[in-house]
Amino acid sequence: MTFSLVGRCERTGAVGTVIASASVAVAARCTAVRAGVGAVCSQSTTDPRLRGELLGALARGVAASEALAALVDRTADIAYRQLAIVDAAGGAASYSGELALGQATDIHAAGAAAAGNLLADNGVPAAMLAAFHDRAGDDLGARLIAALQAGLAAGGEVTPVRSAGMVIAESEPWPVTDLRVDWHDDPVGQLAGLWQIWQPQAASYITRALRPSEIAGL
């Protein structure tokens, strides 16, 4: 009951995830990013532990496709899972187990991967990937929001979407953007609105952390 995309910005090297679901607080369980390493979504009868395993492999220099293949080979109950991964070089991979929920499909190309389960239309991940690539040159956050909106417009999932989230890591060792709508009748619209509020302020919060003397009034 989830659709998501992981992506990398070719211009800045930032990595991020965007996700929506009928389930409450989906981003808290399913997404993970690490600066200079990559981004992962683990969904469909979710096992949050898989996020850390995949990011750990990427941090050791394993490419996204190899990290995912190795995890699939060794992981019990992997048939229930769905995974999307992008590494710091833009390598991407995706996986849908044969027991993933409902209509489940995934797609990946250079720089991004998308996946969805319990979909109203199997074209949802492809629509997300196309929207992400169509916005090349824009801020990563704008591209991720566009991808999520495209997935919803393409049909989304079979049940009403109730939560959404977006997480982005840039060069700092913490996620610069971590926006979540944990329960709402229009979580995708709410998330897009939060991005519009957050984006103009994001750089100032990096400055607060790294160079506080530059912030007037502190």
N, C-alpha and C. Protein backbone atom coordinates (compact mmCIF):
# COMPACT_ATOMS: atom_id res chain seq x y z
N MET A 1 0.82 -1.20 0.00
CA MET A 1 0.00 0.00 0.00
C MET A 1 0.86 1.26 0.00
N THR A 2 1.90 1.23 -0.85
CA THR A 2 2.91 2.29 -0.81
C THR A 2 3.46 2.52 -2.20
N PHE A 3 3.79 3.77 -2.53
CA PHE A 3 4.57 4.06 -3.73
C PHE A 3 5.66 5.06 -3.37
N SER A 4 6.84 4.86 -3.96
CA SER A 4 8.00 5.63 -3.52
C SER A 4 9.01 5.77 -4.65
N LEU A 5 9.95 6.69 -4.43
CA LEU A 5 11.08 6.86 -5.36
C LEU A 5 12.30 7.27 -4.56
N VAL A 6 13.45 6.74 -4.96
CA VAL A 6 14.74 7.20 -4.44
C VAL A 6 15.50 7.82 -5.61
N GLY A 7 16.21 8.91 -5.34
CA GLY A 7 16.90 9.57 -6.44
C GLY A 7 18.14 10.32 -6.01
N ARG A 8 18.99 10.60 -6.99
CA ARG A 8 20.22 11.35 -6.78
C ARG A 8 20.24 12.55 -7.71
N CYS A 9 20.72 13.68 -7.20
CA CYS A 9 20.89 14.88 -8.00
C CYS A 9 22.24 14.82 -8.70
N GLU A 10 22.24 14.85 -10.03
CA GLU A 10 23.48 14.78 -10.79
C GLU A 10 24.36 16.01 -10.56
N ARG A 11 23.73 17.13 -10.27
CA ARG A 11 24.46 18.40 -10.13
C ARG A 11 25.15 18.53 -8.78
N THR A 12 24.47 18.13 -7.70
CA THR A 12 24.99 18.35 -6.35
C THR A 12 25.45 17.08 -5.64
N GLY A 13 25.01 15.92 -6.11
CA GLY A 13 25.31 14.67 -5.43
C GLY A 13 24.39 14.37 -4.26
N ALA A 14 23.41 15.23 -4.00
CA ALA A 14 22.43 14.97 -2.94
C ALA A 14 21.62 13.72 -3.28
N VAL A 15 21.19 13.00 -2.26
CA VAL A 15 20.36 11.82 -2.43
C VAL A 15 19.11 11.97 -1.59
N GLY A 16 18.00 11.39 -2.05
CA GLY A 16 16.77 11.54 -1.29
C GLY A 16 15.73 10.49 -1.61
N THR A 17 14.69 10.49 -0.80
CA THR A 17 13.57 9.59 -0.96
C THR A 17 12.27 10.38 -0.85
N VAL A 18 11.25 9.85 -1.51
CA VAL A 18 9.90 10.38 -1.34
C VAL A 18 8.95 9.19 -1.35
N ILE A 19 7.88 9.26 -0.54
CA ILE A 19 7.04 8.09 -0.34
C ILE A 19 5.65 8.51 0.09
N ALA A 20 4.65 7.69 -0.25
CA ALA A 20 3.27 7.91 0.22
C ALA A 20 2.61 6.56 0.43
N SER A 21 1.61 6.54 1.32
CA SER A 21 0.98 5.27 1.67
C SER A 21 -0.36 5.50 2.35
N ALA A 22 -1.19 4.48 2.35
CA ALA A 22 -2.40 4.48 3.15
C ALA A 22 -2.10 4.26 4.63
N SER A 23 -0.93 3.76 4.93
CA SER A 23 -0.55 3.49 6.32
C SER A 23 -0.04 4.75 7.01
N VAL A 24 -0.21 4.80 8.30
CA VAL A 24 0.25 5.95 9.08
C VAL A 24 1.77 5.99 9.13
N ALA A 25 2.33 7.21 9.10
CA ALA A 25 3.76 7.45 9.35
C ALA A 25 4.66 6.58 8.49
N VAL A 26 4.37 6.50 7.20
CA VAL A 26 5.11 5.59 6.33
C VAL A 26 6.60 5.92 6.25
N ALA A 27 6.95 7.21 6.22
CA ALA A 27 8.36 7.57 6.04
C ALA A 27 9.22 7.12 7.21
N ALA A 28 8.64 7.06 8.40
CA ALA A 28 9.40 6.67 9.57
C ALA A 28 9.89 5.23 9.49
N ARG A 29 9.15 4.38 8.80
CA ARG A 29 9.49 2.95 8.73
C ARG A 29 10.23 2.56 7.47
N CYS A 30 10.02 3.31 6.41
CA CYS A 30 10.40 2.80 5.08
C CYS A 30 11.57 3.50 4.43
N THR A 31 11.93 4.72 4.81
CA THR A 31 12.95 5.47 4.09
C THR A 31 14.23 5.64 4.91
N ALA A 32 15.35 5.77 4.19
CA ALA A 32 16.63 6.06 4.85
C ALA A 32 17.58 6.67 3.83
N VAL A 33 18.36 7.64 4.28
CA VAL A 33 19.37 8.28 3.41
C VAL A 33 20.65 8.46 4.21
N ARG A 34 21.77 8.54 3.50
CA ARG A 34 23.04 8.84 4.14
C ARG A 34 23.88 9.66 3.17
N ALA A 35 24.35 10.82 3.62
CA ALA A 35 25.12 11.72 2.76
C ALA A 35 26.34 11.02 2.20
N GLY A 36 26.57 11.19 0.90
CA GLY A 36 27.72 10.59 0.26
C GLY A 36 27.65 9.09 0.10
N VAL A 37 26.50 8.49 0.45
CA VAL A 37 26.35 7.03 0.41
C VAL A 37 25.20 6.62 -0.50
N GLY A 38 23.98 7.07 -0.17
CA GLY A 38 22.85 6.70 -1.00
C GLY A 38 21.52 6.85 -0.28
N ALA A 39 20.48 6.32 -0.91
CA ALA A 39 19.12 6.39 -0.38
C ALA A 39 18.41 5.08 -0.65
N VAL A 40 17.51 4.71 0.28
CA VAL A 40 16.85 3.40 0.23
C VAL A 40 15.40 3.55 0.66
N CYS A 41 14.51 2.79 0.03
CA CYS A 41 13.17 2.56 0.54
C CYS A 41 12.96 1.06 0.71
N SER A 42 12.42 0.67 1.86
CA SER A 42 12.08 -0.72 2.16
C SER A 42 10.60 -0.76 2.49
N GLN A 43 9.80 -1.48 1.70
CA GLN A 43 8.34 -1.39 1.86
C GLN A 43 7.68 -2.72 1.54
N SER A 44 6.35 -2.75 1.60
CA SER A 44 5.51 -3.93 1.37
C SER A 44 5.80 -5.00 2.42
N THR A 45 4.93 -5.08 3.44
CA THR A 45 5.19 -5.90 4.62
C THR A 45 6.60 -5.55 5.11
N THR A 46 6.75 -4.32 5.51
CA THR A 46 8.05 -3.66 5.66
C THR A 46 8.93 -4.30 6.73
N ASP A 47 10.20 -4.44 6.40
CA ASP A 47 11.25 -4.77 7.37
C ASP A 47 12.22 -3.59 7.41
N PRO A 48 12.10 -2.70 8.40
CA PRO A 48 12.97 -1.52 8.45
C PRO A 48 14.45 -1.85 8.55
N ARG A 49 14.80 -3.05 9.02
CA ARG A 49 16.21 -3.41 9.16
C ARG A 49 16.94 -3.44 7.82
N LEU A 50 16.22 -3.71 6.76
CA LEU A 50 16.86 -3.83 5.46
C LEU A 50 17.46 -2.52 4.98
N ARG A 51 16.90 -1.40 5.45
CA ARG A 51 17.44 -0.09 5.07
C ARG A 51 18.89 0.04 5.53
N GLY A 52 19.14 -0.29 6.77
CA GLY A 52 20.49 -0.17 7.32
C GLY A 52 21.46 -1.12 6.66
N GLU A 53 21.00 -2.33 6.36
CA GLU A 53 21.88 -3.30 5.69
C GLU A 53 22.31 -2.79 4.32
N LEU A 54 21.38 -2.23 3.57
CA LEU A 54 21.71 -1.73 2.25
C LEU A 54 22.62 -0.51 2.31
N LEU A 55 22.32 0.43 3.20
CA LEU A 55 23.18 1.60 3.32
C LEU A 55 24.57 1.21 3.81
N GLY A 56 24.64 0.22 4.69
CA GLY A 56 25.95 -0.26 5.15
C GLY A 56 26.77 -0.81 4.01
N ALA A 57 26.14 -1.56 3.11
CA ALA A 57 26.86 -2.09 1.96
C ALA A 57 27.33 -0.97 1.04
N LEU A 58 26.47 0.01 0.80
CA LEU A 58 26.87 1.15 -0.03
C LEU A 58 28.05 1.89 0.59
N ALA A 59 28.03 2.05 1.90
CA ALA A 59 29.12 2.76 2.59
C ALA A 59 30.44 2.02 2.46
N ARG A 60 30.37 0.71 2.27
CA ARG A 60 31.59 -0.07 2.07
C ARG A 60 32.06 -0.07 0.62
N GLY A 61 31.34 0.67 -0.23
CA GLY A 61 31.74 0.79 -1.62
C GLY A 61 31.07 -0.17 -2.58
N VAL A 62 30.09 -0.92 -2.10
CA VAL A 62 29.37 -1.85 -2.97
C VAL A 62 28.37 -1.06 -3.80
N ALA A 63 28.27 -1.33 -5.08
CA ALA A 63 27.32 -0.65 -5.96
C ALA A 63 25.89 -1.05 -5.61
N ALA A 64 24.94 -0.19 -5.94
CA ALA A 64 23.54 -0.42 -5.58
C ALA A 64 23.03 -1.77 -6.08
N SER A 65 23.28 -2.09 -7.34
CA SER A 65 22.77 -3.35 -7.88
C SER A 65 23.36 -4.56 -7.18
N GLU A 66 24.64 -4.50 -6.86
CA GLU A 66 25.29 -5.62 -6.18
C GLU A 66 24.82 -5.73 -4.73
N ALA A 67 24.65 -4.59 -4.06
CA ALA A 67 24.17 -4.61 -2.68
C ALA A 67 22.79 -5.21 -2.59
N LEU A 68 21.92 -4.83 -3.53
CA LEU A 68 20.55 -5.35 -3.51
C LEU A 68 20.54 -6.84 -3.83
N ALA A 69 21.27 -7.25 -4.84
CA ALA A 69 21.30 -8.67 -5.21
C ALA A 69 21.80 -9.54 -4.07
N ALA A 70 22.83 -9.07 -3.37
CA ALA A 70 23.37 -9.85 -2.26
C ALA A 70 22.37 -9.95 -1.12
N LEU A 71 21.68 -8.85 -0.84
CA LEU A 71 20.69 -8.87 0.24
C LEU A 71 19.53 -9.81 -0.11
N VAL A 72 19.06 -9.75 -1.34
CA VAL A 72 17.97 -10.64 -1.76
C VAL A 72 18.38 -12.09 -1.62
N ASP A 73 19.60 -12.42 -1.98
CA ASP A 73 20.07 -13.81 -1.93
C ASP A 73 20.14 -14.36 -0.51
N ARG A 74 20.43 -13.50 0.47
CA ARG A 74 20.68 -14.02 1.81
C ARG A 74 19.57 -13.78 2.81
N THR A 75 18.51 -13.05 2.44
CA THR A 75 17.53 -12.59 3.41
C THR A 75 16.31 -13.49 3.46
N ALA A 76 15.97 -13.96 4.65
CA ALA A 76 14.75 -14.74 4.84
C ALA A 76 13.52 -13.87 4.60
N ASP A 77 12.46 -14.46 4.10
CA ASP A 77 11.18 -13.77 3.87
C ASP A 77 11.28 -12.63 2.87
N ILE A 78 12.31 -12.64 2.02
CA ILE A 78 12.49 -11.54 1.09
C ILE A 78 11.36 -11.48 0.07
N ALA A 79 10.65 -12.57 -0.15
CA ALA A 79 9.55 -12.58 -1.12
C ALA A 79 8.44 -11.61 -0.74
N TYR A 80 8.36 -11.24 0.54
CA TYR A 80 7.33 -10.31 0.99
C TYR A 80 7.73 -8.84 0.81
N ARG A 81 8.97 -8.60 0.47
CA ARG A 81 9.51 -7.24 0.52
C ARG A 81 9.57 -6.58 -0.86
N GLN A 82 9.69 -5.26 -0.80
CA GLN A 82 9.91 -4.46 -1.99
C GLN A 82 10.96 -3.41 -1.64
N LEU A 83 11.93 -3.22 -2.53
CA LEU A 83 13.08 -2.37 -2.22
C LEU A 83 13.45 -1.49 -3.41
N ALA A 84 13.91 -0.28 -3.11
CA ALA A 84 14.45 0.62 -4.12
C ALA A 84 15.70 1.26 -3.54
N ILE A 85 16.75 1.40 -4.36
CA ILE A 85 18.04 1.88 -3.85
C ILE A 85 18.76 2.67 -4.91
N VAL A 86 19.43 3.74 -4.50
CA VAL A 86 20.31 4.51 -5.37
C VAL A 86 21.60 4.80 -4.61
N ASP A 87 22.73 4.70 -5.27
CA ASP A 87 24.00 4.94 -4.60
C ASP A 87 24.56 6.31 -4.94
N ALA A 88 25.70 6.65 -4.34
CA ALA A 88 26.26 7.99 -4.47
C ALA A 88 26.76 8.29 -5.87
N ALA A 89 26.95 7.26 -6.68
CA ALA A 89 27.38 7.46 -8.07
C ALA A 89 26.21 7.50 -9.03
N GLY A 90 25.00 7.33 -8.50
CA GLY A 90 23.81 7.32 -9.35
C GLY A 90 23.39 5.95 -9.81
N GLY A 91 24.10 4.91 -9.39
CA GLY A 91 23.65 3.56 -9.70
C GLY A 91 22.35 3.26 -8.96
N ALA A 92 21.42 2.59 -9.63
CA ALA A 92 20.11 2.33 -9.03
C ALA A 92 19.69 0.89 -9.26
N ALA A 93 18.83 0.39 -8.36
CA ALA A 93 18.30 -0.96 -8.48
C ALA A 93 16.97 -1.02 -7.73
N SER A 94 16.18 -2.04 -8.05
CA SER A 94 14.88 -2.19 -7.39
C SER A 94 14.48 -3.67 -7.40
N TYR A 95 13.55 -4.01 -6.51
CA TYR A 95 13.16 -5.41 -6.33
C TYR A 95 11.74 -5.47 -5.80
N SER A 96 10.95 -6.39 -6.35
CA SER A 96 9.62 -6.70 -5.83
C SER A 96 9.52 -8.21 -5.64
N GLY A 97 9.33 -8.64 -4.40
CA GLY A 97 9.18 -10.06 -4.14
C GLY A 97 7.87 -10.61 -4.66
N GLU A 98 7.83 -11.91 -4.90
CA GLU A 98 6.62 -12.52 -5.47
C GLU A 98 5.44 -12.46 -4.53
N LEU A 99 5.67 -12.21 -3.23
CA LEU A 99 4.59 -12.09 -2.26
C LEU A 99 4.36 -10.65 -1.83
N ALA A 100 4.92 -9.69 -2.57
CA ALA A 100 4.65 -8.29 -2.28
C ALA A 100 3.15 -8.03 -2.44
N LEU A 101 2.65 -7.02 -1.76
CA LEU A 101 1.21 -6.81 -1.64
C LEU A 101 0.57 -6.36 -2.96
N GLY A 102 -0.54 -7.01 -3.32
CA GLY A 102 -1.36 -6.59 -4.43
C GLY A 102 -0.61 -6.48 -5.75
N GLN A 103 -1.03 -5.51 -6.57
CA GLN A 103 -0.26 -5.19 -7.78
C GLN A 103 1.02 -4.50 -7.33
N ALA A 104 2.14 -5.14 -7.57
CA ALA A 104 3.43 -4.60 -7.13
C ALA A 104 4.39 -4.60 -8.30
N THR A 105 5.05 -3.47 -8.50
CA THR A 105 6.02 -3.37 -9.58
C THR A 105 7.07 -2.35 -9.23
N ASP A 106 8.18 -2.40 -9.95
CA ASP A 106 9.29 -1.48 -9.69
C ASP A 106 9.99 -1.18 -10.99
N ILE A 107 10.77 -0.10 -10.99
CA ILE A 107 11.50 0.31 -12.18
C ILE A 107 12.71 1.12 -11.74
N HIS A 108 13.79 1.03 -12.49
CA HIS A 108 14.96 1.85 -12.16
C HIS A 108 15.70 2.23 -13.44
N ALA A 109 16.42 3.33 -13.34
CA ALA A 109 17.26 3.83 -14.42
C ALA A 109 18.37 4.62 -13.75
N ALA A 110 19.29 5.13 -14.53
CA ALA A 110 20.40 5.89 -13.95
C ALA A 110 19.87 7.01 -13.07
N GLY A 111 20.30 7.01 -11.80
CA GLY A 111 19.97 8.09 -10.89
C GLY A 111 18.71 7.95 -10.08
N ALA A 112 17.89 6.93 -10.32
CA ALA A 112 16.64 6.83 -9.56
C ALA A 112 16.03 5.45 -9.69
N ALA A 113 15.19 5.10 -8.70
CA ALA A 113 14.41 3.88 -8.73
C ALA A 113 13.07 4.15 -8.07
N ALA A 114 12.02 3.53 -8.58
CA ALA A 114 10.68 3.71 -8.04
C ALA A 114 10.02 2.36 -7.86
N ALA A 115 9.12 2.27 -6.88
CA ALA A 115 8.44 1.01 -6.59
C ALA A 115 7.09 1.30 -5.98
N GLY A 116 6.16 0.37 -6.15
CA GLY A 116 4.85 0.51 -5.53
C GLY A 116 4.17 -0.82 -5.37
N ASN A 117 3.30 -0.92 -4.38
CA ASN A 117 2.52 -2.13 -4.15
C ASN A 117 1.09 -1.76 -3.80
N LEU A 118 0.18 -2.71 -3.95
CA LEU A 118 -1.26 -2.45 -3.84
C LEU A 118 -1.65 -1.27 -4.73
N LEU A 119 -1.08 -1.25 -5.92
CA LEU A 119 -1.27 -0.12 -6.83
C LEU A 119 -2.62 -0.20 -7.53
N ALA A 120 -3.17 0.98 -7.81
CA ALA A 120 -4.36 1.05 -8.64
C ALA A 120 -4.01 0.86 -10.11
N ASP A 121 -2.75 1.12 -10.45
CA ASP A 121 -2.28 0.98 -11.83
C ASP A 121 -0.80 0.65 -11.80
N ASN A 122 -0.38 -0.35 -12.55
CA ASN A 122 1.02 -0.75 -12.54
C ASN A 122 1.94 0.28 -13.18
N GLY A 123 1.37 1.30 -13.81
CA GLY A 123 2.18 2.34 -14.41
C GLY A 123 2.64 3.41 -13.44
N VAL A 124 2.24 3.32 -12.18
CA VAL A 124 2.59 4.36 -11.20
C VAL A 124 4.10 4.54 -11.06
N PRO A 125 4.90 3.50 -10.82
CA PRO A 125 6.34 3.72 -10.69
C PRO A 125 6.97 4.33 -11.93
N ALA A 126 6.54 3.90 -13.12
CA ALA A 126 7.10 4.46 -14.35
C ALA A 126 6.76 5.95 -14.47
N ALA A 127 5.55 6.32 -14.07
CA ALA A 127 5.16 7.74 -14.11
C ALA A 127 6.02 8.55 -13.15
N MET A 128 6.33 8.00 -12.00
CA MET A 128 7.17 8.69 -11.03
C MET A 128 8.58 8.88 -11.57
N LEU A 129 9.12 7.83 -12.15
CA LEU A 129 10.48 7.91 -12.69
C LEU A 129 10.55 8.93 -13.83
N ALA A 130 9.55 8.94 -14.69
CA ALA A 130 9.54 9.89 -15.80
C ALA A 130 9.47 11.32 -15.29
N ALA A 131 8.64 11.57 -14.29
CA ALA A 131 8.53 12.92 -13.75
C ALA A 131 9.83 13.37 -13.10
N PHE A 132 10.50 12.45 -12.42
CA PHE A 132 11.78 12.78 -11.80
C PHE A 132 12.80 13.17 -12.85
N HIS A 133 12.90 12.42 -13.91
CA HIS A 133 13.88 12.70 -14.95
C HIS A 133 13.50 13.92 -15.79
N ASP A 134 12.21 14.18 -15.92
CA ASP A 134 11.77 15.35 -16.68
C ASP A 134 12.17 16.66 -16.01
N ARG A 135 12.41 16.61 -14.70
CA ARG A 135 12.76 17.83 -13.95
C ARG A 135 14.26 17.93 -13.69
N ALA A 136 15.07 17.24 -14.47
CA ALA A 136 16.52 17.31 -14.30
C ALA A 136 16.98 18.76 -14.35
N GLY A 137 17.85 19.14 -13.40
CA GLY A 137 18.30 20.53 -13.29
C GLY A 137 17.62 21.27 -12.17
N ASP A 138 16.43 20.83 -11.75
CA ASP A 138 15.75 21.45 -10.61
C ASP A 138 16.36 20.95 -9.30
N ASP A 139 16.02 21.61 -8.20
CA ASP A 139 16.41 21.12 -6.88
C ASP A 139 15.88 19.69 -6.70
N LEU A 140 16.64 18.88 -5.98
CA LEU A 140 16.24 17.50 -5.76
C LEU A 140 14.87 17.42 -5.10
N GLY A 141 14.61 18.27 -4.13
CA GLY A 141 13.32 18.24 -3.45
C GLY A 141 12.17 18.48 -4.40
N ALA A 142 12.32 19.43 -5.32
CA ALA A 142 11.26 19.70 -6.29
C ALA A 142 11.04 18.51 -7.20
N ARG A 143 12.11 17.83 -7.57
CA ARG A 143 11.99 16.65 -8.42
C ARG A 143 11.30 15.50 -7.70
N LEU A 144 11.61 15.34 -6.42
CA LEU A 144 10.97 14.28 -5.64
C LEU A 144 9.48 14.55 -5.46
N ILE A 145 9.13 15.79 -5.16
CA ILE A 145 7.72 16.15 -5.03
C ILE A 145 6.99 15.91 -6.34
N ALA A 146 7.60 16.32 -7.45
CA ALA A 146 6.98 16.10 -8.76
C ALA A 146 6.75 14.62 -9.03
N ALA A 147 7.71 13.80 -8.63
CA ALA A 147 7.56 12.35 -8.81
C ALA A 147 6.40 11.81 -8.00
N LEU A 148 6.27 12.25 -6.76
CA LEU A 148 5.18 11.76 -5.91
C LEU A 148 3.83 12.20 -6.46
N GLN A 149 3.75 13.44 -6.90
CA GLN A 149 2.50 13.94 -7.48
C GLN A 149 2.15 13.17 -8.75
N ALA A 150 3.16 12.82 -9.55
CA ALA A 150 2.91 12.05 -10.77
C ALA A 150 2.41 10.65 -10.44
N GLY A 151 2.95 10.04 -9.38
CA GLY A 151 2.48 8.73 -8.98
C GLY A 151 1.04 8.75 -8.54
N LEU A 152 0.66 9.78 -7.80
CA LEU A 152 -0.72 9.92 -7.36
C LEU A 152 -1.64 10.15 -8.55
N ALA A 153 -1.21 11.01 -9.47
CA ALA A 153 -2.02 11.30 -10.65
C ALA A 153 -2.18 10.08 -11.55
N ALA A 154 -1.20 9.19 -11.54
CA ALA A 154 -1.27 7.98 -12.36
C ALA A 154 -2.16 6.89 -11.75
N GLY A 155 -2.68 7.15 -10.56
CA GLY A 155 -3.59 6.20 -9.92
C GLY A 155 -3.28 5.92 -8.48
N GLY A 156 -2.02 6.10 -8.09
CA GLY A 156 -1.66 5.83 -6.70
C GLY A 156 -1.94 4.39 -6.32
N GLU A 157 -2.43 4.21 -5.12
CA GLU A 157 -2.75 2.87 -4.65
C GLU A 157 -4.26 2.68 -4.56
N VAL A 158 -4.67 1.46 -4.25
CA VAL A 158 -6.09 1.13 -4.30
C VAL A 158 -6.87 1.73 -3.13
N THR A 159 -6.19 2.08 -2.06
CA THR A 159 -6.84 2.69 -0.91
C THR A 159 -6.37 4.13 -0.77
N PRO A 160 -7.15 5.01 -0.12
CA PRO A 160 -6.77 6.41 -0.04
C PRO A 160 -5.42 6.61 0.67
N VAL A 161 -4.60 7.48 0.11
CA VAL A 161 -3.30 7.79 0.69
C VAL A 161 -3.50 8.64 1.93
N ARG A 162 -2.79 8.31 3.01
CA ARG A 162 -2.95 9.02 4.29
C ARG A 162 -1.66 9.59 4.84
N SER A 163 -0.50 9.13 4.39
CA SER A 163 0.76 9.67 4.91
C SER A 163 1.77 9.79 3.79
N ALA A 164 2.74 10.68 3.99
CA ALA A 164 3.78 10.90 2.98
C ALA A 164 5.00 11.48 3.66
N GLY A 165 6.14 11.37 2.98
CA GLY A 165 7.36 11.94 3.56
C GLY A 165 8.45 12.09 2.51
N MET A 166 9.39 12.97 2.81
CA MET A 166 10.54 13.19 1.94
C MET A 166 11.76 13.43 2.81
N VAL A 167 12.86 12.76 2.50
CA VAL A 167 14.11 12.90 3.24
C VAL A 167 15.23 13.10 2.23
N ILE A 168 16.09 14.10 2.48
CA ILE A 168 17.20 14.42 1.58
C ILE A 168 18.47 14.60 2.38
N ALA A 169 19.55 14.00 1.91
CA ALA A 169 20.88 14.22 2.48
C ALA A 169 21.74 14.91 1.44
N GLU A 170 22.45 15.94 1.85
CA GLU A 170 23.33 16.66 0.95
C GLU A 170 24.78 16.32 1.31
N SER A 171 25.62 17.31 1.58
CA SER A 171 27.01 17.01 1.95
C SER A 171 27.20 16.94 3.46
N GLU A 172 26.25 17.47 4.23
CA GLU A 172 26.35 17.44 5.68
C GLU A 172 26.03 16.03 6.20
N PRO A 173 26.53 15.67 7.36
CA PRO A 173 26.34 14.31 7.87
C PRO A 173 24.98 14.08 8.53
N TRP A 174 24.00 14.91 8.22
CA TRP A 174 22.64 14.70 8.71
C TRP A 174 21.68 14.99 7.55
N PRO A 175 20.46 14.45 7.59
CA PRO A 175 19.48 14.78 6.55
C PRO A 175 19.09 16.25 6.66
N VAL A 176 19.40 17.02 5.64
CA VAL A 176 19.07 18.44 5.65
C VAL A 176 17.56 18.65 5.58
N THR A 177 16.88 17.80 4.83
CA THR A 177 15.43 17.87 4.70
C THR A 177 14.82 16.57 5.21
N ASP A 178 13.87 16.69 6.13
CA ASP A 178 13.16 15.52 6.65
C ASP A 178 11.74 15.98 6.95
N LEU A 179 10.86 15.90 5.95
CA LEU A 179 9.49 16.40 6.05
C LEU A 179 8.52 15.23 6.02
N ARG A 180 7.57 15.25 6.95
CA ARG A 180 6.64 14.13 7.06
C ARG A 180 5.23 14.60 7.34
N VAL A 181 4.27 13.97 6.70
CA VAL A 181 2.86 14.13 6.99
C VAL A 181 2.37 12.75 7.41
N ASP A 182 2.18 12.56 8.69
CA ASP A 182 1.95 11.21 9.20
C ASP A 182 0.50 10.74 9.11
N TRP A 183 -0.46 11.68 9.00
CA TRP A 183 -1.87 11.28 8.83
C TRP A 183 -2.68 12.48 8.37
N HIS A 184 -3.20 12.40 7.15
CA HIS A 184 -3.96 13.52 6.58
C HIS A 184 -4.75 13.01 5.39
N ASP A 185 -5.86 13.69 5.07
CA ASP A 185 -6.65 13.30 3.91
C ASP A 185 -5.95 13.65 2.59
N ASP A 186 -5.02 14.59 2.62
CA ASP A 186 -4.27 14.98 1.42
C ASP A 186 -2.79 15.10 1.78
N PRO A 187 -2.13 13.99 2.10
CA PRO A 187 -0.74 14.08 2.55
C PRO A 187 0.22 14.53 1.47
N VAL A 188 -0.04 14.18 0.22
CA VAL A 188 0.85 14.60 -0.86
C VAL A 188 0.78 16.11 -1.04
N GLY A 189 -0.42 16.67 -1.02
CA GLY A 189 -0.57 18.12 -1.09
C GLY A 189 0.05 18.82 0.10
N GLN A 190 -0.13 18.25 1.27
CA GLN A 190 0.47 18.83 2.47
C GLN A 190 2.00 18.79 2.40
N LEU A 191 2.54 17.69 1.91
CA LEU A 191 3.99 17.57 1.80
C LEU A 191 4.54 18.60 0.81
N ALA A 192 3.85 18.77 -0.31
CA ALA A 192 4.28 19.78 -1.29
C ALA A 192 4.26 21.17 -0.67
N GLY A 193 3.26 21.45 0.15
CA GLY A 193 3.20 22.74 0.83
C GLY A 193 4.33 22.92 1.84
N LEU A 194 4.64 21.87 2.57
CA LEU A 194 5.76 21.93 3.52
C LEU A 194 7.07 22.20 2.81
N TRP A 195 7.26 21.58 1.64
CA TRP A 195 8.48 21.82 0.88
C TRP A 195 8.58 23.29 0.46
N GLN A 196 7.50 23.88 0.06
CA GLN A 196 7.52 25.29 -0.34
C GLN A 196 7.90 26.19 0.83
N ILE A 197 7.49 25.82 2.03
CA ILE A 197 7.87 26.60 3.22
C ILE A 197 9.32 26.35 3.61
N TRP A 198 9.73 25.07 3.55
CA TRP A 198 11.05 24.68 4.04
C TRP A 198 12.17 25.08 3.09
N GLN A 199 11.98 24.91 1.80
CA GLN A 199 13.07 25.06 0.85
C GLN A 199 13.81 26.40 0.96
N PRO A 200 13.11 27.54 1.08
CA PRO A 200 13.84 28.80 1.18
C PRO A 200 14.65 28.95 2.47
N GLN A 201 14.32 28.16 3.49
CA GLN A 201 14.98 28.28 4.79
C GLN A 201 16.07 27.24 5.01
N ALA A 202 16.12 26.21 4.19
CA ALA A 202 16.98 25.06 4.46
C ALA A 202 18.44 25.45 4.62
N ALA A 203 18.95 26.30 3.74
CA ALA A 203 20.37 26.67 3.81
C ALA A 203 20.71 27.39 5.10
N SER A 204 19.76 28.17 5.62
CA SER A 204 20.05 28.91 6.85
C SER A 204 20.23 27.98 8.04
N TYR A 205 19.55 26.83 8.03
CA TYR A 205 19.71 25.90 9.14
C TYR A 205 21.03 25.14 9.05
N ILE A 206 21.57 25.01 7.86
CA ILE A 206 22.93 24.47 7.74
C ILE A 206 23.93 25.47 8.31
N THR A 207 23.74 26.73 7.99
CA THR A 207 24.62 27.78 8.53
C THR A 207 24.55 27.83 10.05
N ARG A 208 23.36 27.71 10.61
CA ARG A 208 23.21 27.70 12.07
C ARG A 208 24.05 26.61 12.71
N ALA A 209 24.12 25.46 12.05
CA ALA A 209 24.88 24.35 12.61
C ALA A 209 26.38 24.53 12.44
N LEU A 210 26.80 24.97 11.25
CA LEU A 210 28.23 24.99 10.93
C LEU A 210 28.91 26.32 11.23
N ARG A 211 28.17 27.42 11.06
CA ARG A 211 28.76 28.75 11.24
C ARG A 211 27.78 29.67 11.95
N PRO A 212 27.49 29.41 13.20
CA PRO A 212 26.44 30.15 13.90
C PRO A 212 26.73 31.65 14.02
N SER A 213 28.01 32.04 13.99
CA SER A 213 28.32 33.47 14.11
C SER A 213 27.83 34.26 12.93
N GLU A 214 27.50 33.61 11.83
CA GLU A 214 27.03 34.30 10.64
C GLU A 214 25.53 34.60 10.68
N ILE A 215 24.83 34.05 11.66
CA ILE A 215 23.39 34.24 11.75
C ILE A 215 23.09 35.45 12.62
N ALA A 216 22.46 36.45 12.03
CA ALA A 216 22.11 37.68 12.76
C ALA A 216 21.16 37.34 13.90
N GLY A 217 21.40 37.95 15.05
CA GLY A 217 20.51 37.78 16.20
C GLY A 217 20.89 36.65 17.12
N LEU A 218 21.90 35.86 16.73
CA LEU A 218 22.34 34.77 17.61
C LEU A 218 23.55 35.22 18.43
